[in-house]
């Protein structure tokens, strides 16, 4: 039996108020997640990348800061979609310090 199956059985025993509290906690935990971004240990140094690619978010942000248009970014990375860039920019807004630090660290390397 999977963990999800186990949790579903447990949910049946919770009151509506307990389920609402659990949902609030899950939403709070996921509130900082970006479905189109993943950080995988051992891939690109564990830095956040666009899913399906090994393109770190900080590289895309650096390109944008250097004045590269979204159209040119998409031409440079044919596996990217416009929605990937929208996700990247949202991630940058939510994690600006992290992205700036990664850009600086990689510029020094």
C-alpha atoms as a PDB file:
ATOM      1  CA  UNK A   1       0.000   0.000   0.000  1.00  0.00           C
ATOM      2  CA  UNK A   2       1.342   3.450  -0.899  1.00  0.00           C
ATOM      3  CA  UNK A   3       1.712   6.384   1.453  1.00  0.00           C
ATOM      4  CA  UNK A   4      -1.113   8.142  -0.389  1.00  0.00           C
ATOM      5  CA  UNK A   5      -3.408   5.176   0.238  1.00  0.00           C
ATOM      6  CA  UNK A   6      -2.463   5.239   3.918  1.00  0.00           C
ATOM      7  CA  UNK A   7      -3.162   8.961   4.129  1.00  0.00           C
ATOM      8  CA  UNK A   8      -6.532   8.581   2.380  1.00  0.00           C
ATOM      9  CA  UNK A   9      -7.584   6.053   5.006  1.00  0.00           C
ATOM     10  CA  UNK A  10      -6.481   8.407   7.773  1.00  0.00           C
ATOM     11  CA  UNK A  11      -8.401  11.287   6.182  1.00  0.00           C
ATOM     12  CA  UNK A  12     -11.629   9.346   6.534  1.00  0.00           C
ATOM     13  CA  UNK A  13     -11.259   9.472  10.305  1.00  0.00           C
ATOM     14  CA  UNK A  14     -10.702  13.254  10.478  1.00  0.00           C
ATOM     15  CA  UNK A  15     -13.415  15.777  11.148  1.00  0.00           C
ATOM     16  CA  UNK A  16     -14.095  18.550   8.624  1.00  0.00           C
ATOM     17  CA  UNK A  17     -12.305  21.012  10.910  1.00  0.00           C
ATOM     18  CA  UNK A  18      -9.247  18.751  11.117  1.00  0.00           C
ATOM     19  CA  UNK A  19      -9.247  18.325   7.335  1.00  0.00           C
ATOM     20  CA  UNK A  20      -9.412  22.106   6.904  1.00  0.00           C
ATOM     21  CA  UNK A  21      -6.479  22.552   9.289  1.00  0.00           C
ATOM     22  CA  UNK A  22      -4.497  19.903   7.431  1.00  0.00           C
ATOM     23  CA  UNK A  23      -5.254  21.574   4.119  1.00  0.00           C
ATOM     24  CA  UNK A  24      -4.053  24.926   5.481  1.00  0.00           C
ATOM     25  CA  UNK A  25      -0.793  23.342   6.561  1.00  0.00           C
ATOM     26  CA  UNK A  26      -0.297  21.685   3.179  1.00  0.00           C
ATOM     27  CA  UNK A  27      -0.996  24.931   1.322  1.00  0.00           C
ATOM     28  CA  UNK A  28       1.434  26.787   3.597  1.00  0.00           C
ATOM     29  CA  UNK A  29       4.066  24.130   2.910  1.00  0.00           C
ATOM     30  CA  UNK A  30       3.512  24.283  -0.851  1.00  0.00           C
ATOM     31  CA  UNK A  31       3.061  28.043  -1.042  1.00  0.00           C
ATOM     32  CA  UNK A  32       6.683  28.497  -1.980  1.00  0.00           C
ATOM     33  CA  UNK A  33       6.748  25.771  -4.614  1.00  0.00           C
ATOM     34  CA  UNK A  34       7.010  26.248  -8.329  1.00  0.00           C
ATOM     35  CA  UNK A  35       5.790  23.268 -10.349  1.00  0.00           C
ATOM     36  CA  UNK A  36       7.899  24.245 -13.355  1.00  0.00           C
ATOM     37  CA  UNK A  37      11.120  24.464 -11.346  1.00  0.00           C
ATOM     38  CA  UNK A  38      13.086  21.657  -9.774  1.00  0.00           C
ATOM     39  CA  UNK A  39      16.274  21.383  -7.766  1.00  0.00           C
ATOM     40  CA  UNK A  40      17.893  17.977  -8.040  1.00  0.00           C
ATOM     41  CA  UNK A  41      21.029  17.093  -6.081  1.00  0.00           C
ATOM     42  CA  UNK A  42      23.815  16.258  -8.502  1.00  0.00           C
ATOM     43  CA  UNK A  43      22.201  18.124 -11.408  1.00  0.00           C
ATOM     44  CA  UNK A  44      23.600  21.603 -12.101  1.00  0.00           C
ATOM     45  CA  UNK A  45      24.959  21.737  -8.579  1.00  0.00           C
ATOM     46  CA  UNK A  46      21.466  21.333  -7.149  1.00  0.00           C
ATOM     47  CA  UNK A  47      20.501  24.782  -8.421  1.00  0.00           C
ATOM     48  CA  UNK A  48      16.878  25.368  -9.439  1.00  0.00           C
ATOM     49  CA  UNK A  49      16.336  24.544 -13.105  1.00  0.00           C
ATOM     50  CA  UNK A  50      13.424  24.539 -15.501  1.00  0.00           C
ATOM     51  CA  UNK A  51      11.848  21.068 -15.437  1.00  0.00           C
ATOM     52  CA  UNK A  52      12.681  18.824 -18.399  1.00  0.00           C
ATOM     53  CA  UNK A  53      15.935  20.755 -18.843  1.00  0.00           C
ATOM     54  CA  UNK A  54      19.224  21.432 -17.167  1.00  0.00           C
ATOM     55  CA  UNK A  55      18.812  25.170 -17.586  1.00  0.00           C
ATOM     56  CA  UNK A  56      19.367  26.966 -14.282  1.00  0.00           C
ATOM     57  CA  UNK A  57      17.043  29.846 -13.457  1.00  0.00           C
ATOM     58  CA  UNK A  58      19.991  32.138 -12.706  1.00  0.00           C
ATOM     59  CA  UNK A  59      21.252  31.809 -16.303  1.00  0.00           C
ATOM     60  CA  UNK A  60      17.903  32.899 -17.688  1.00  0.00           C
ATOM     61  CA  UNK A  61      17.797  35.828 -15.274  1.00  0.00           C
ATOM     62  CA  UNK A  62      21.332  36.857 -16.249  1.00  0.00           C
ATOM     63  CA  UNK A  63      20.341  36.828 -19.905  1.00  0.00           C
ATOM     64  CA  UNK A  64      17.309  38.972 -19.151  1.00  0.00           C
ATOM     65  CA  UNK A  65      19.442  41.439 -17.164  1.00  0.00           C
ATOM     66  CA  UNK A  66      21.824  41.696 -20.101  1.00  0.00           C
ATOM     67  CA  UNK A  67      18.922  42.757 -22.301  1.00  0.00           C
ATOM     68  CA  UNK A  68      18.380  39.511 -24.174  1.00  0.00           C
ATOM     69  CA  UNK A  69      14.760  39.377 -25.333  1.00  0.00           C
ATOM     70  CA  UNK A  70      12.494  36.493 -24.407  1.00  0.00           C
ATOM     71  CA  UNK A  71      12.281  35.586 -28.094  1.00  0.00           C
ATOM     72  CA  UNK A  72      16.073  35.339 -28.272  1.00  0.00           C
ATOM     73  CA  UNK A  73      16.201  33.289 -25.071  1.00  0.00           C
ATOM     74  CA  UNK A  74      13.654  30.892 -26.541  1.00  0.00           C
ATOM     75  CA  UNK A  75      15.708  30.657 -29.755  1.00  0.00           C
ATOM     76  CA  UNK A  76      18.856  29.989 -27.722  1.00  0.00           C
ATOM     77  CA  UNK A  77      17.150  27.197 -25.780  1.00  0.00           C
ATOM     78  CA  UNK A  78      14.746  25.389 -28.132  1.00  0.00           C
ATOM     79  CA  UNK A  79      13.508  23.110 -25.344  1.00  0.00           C
ATOM     80  CA  UNK A  80      12.115  26.107 -23.452  1.00  0.00           C
ATOM     81  CA  UNK A  81       8.559  27.321 -23.813  1.00  0.00           C
ATOM     82  CA  UNK A  82       7.202  30.780 -23.119  1.00  0.00           C
ATOM     83  CA  UNK A  83       5.465  29.461 -19.998  1.00  0.00           C
ATOM     84  CA  UNK A  84       8.861  28.271 -18.724  1.00  0.00           C
ATOM     85  CA  UNK A  85      10.121  31.845 -18.856  1.00  0.00           C
ATOM     86  CA  UNK A  86       7.032  33.112 -17.021  1.00  0.00           C
ATOM     87  CA  UNK A  87       7.697  30.502 -14.338  1.00  0.00           C
ATOM     88  CA  UNK A  88      11.366  31.487 -14.182  1.00  0.00           C
ATOM     89  CA  UNK A  89      10.547  35.185 -13.722  1.00  0.00           C
ATOM     90  CA  UNK A  90       8.038  34.341 -10.961  1.00  0.00           C
ATOM     91  CA  UNK A  91      10.676  32.186  -9.278  1.00  0.00           C
ATOM     92  CA  UNK A  92      13.193  35.023  -9.479  1.00  0.00           C
ATOM     93  CA  UNK A  93      10.703  37.436  -7.868  1.00  0.00           C
ATOM     94  CA  UNK A  94      10.130  35.008  -4.993  1.00  0.00           C
ATOM     95  CA  UNK A  95      13.802  34.020  -4.577  1.00  0.00           C
ATOM     96  CA  UNK A  96      15.742  37.094  -5.693  1.00  0.00           C
ATOM     97  CA  UNK A  97      18.576  36.774  -3.145  1.00  0.00           C
ATOM     98  CA  UNK A  98      19.119  33.093  -3.936  1.00  0.00           C
ATOM     99  CA  UNK A  99      19.275  33.756  -7.694  1.00  0.00           C
ATOM    100  CA  UNK A 100      21.620  36.724  -7.268  1.00  0.00           C
ATOM    101  CA  UNK A 101      23.915  34.638  -5.068  1.00  0.00           C
ATOM    102  CA  UNK A 102      23.991  31.814  -7.613  1.00  0.00           C
ATOM    103  CA  UNK A 103      24.754  34.238 -10.438  1.00  0.00           C
ATOM    104  CA  UNK A 104      27.613  35.769  -8.430  1.00  0.00           C
ATOM    105  CA  UNK A 105      29.029  32.384  -7.445  1.00  0.00           C
ATOM    106  CA  UNK A 106      28.965  31.160 -11.027  1.00  0.00           C
ATOM    107  CA  UNK A 107      30.491  34.383 -12.350  1.00  0.00           C
ATOM    108  CA  UNK A 108      33.446  33.848  -9.997  1.00  0.00           C
ATOM    109  CA  UNK A 109      33.930  30.230 -11.057  1.00  0.00           C
END
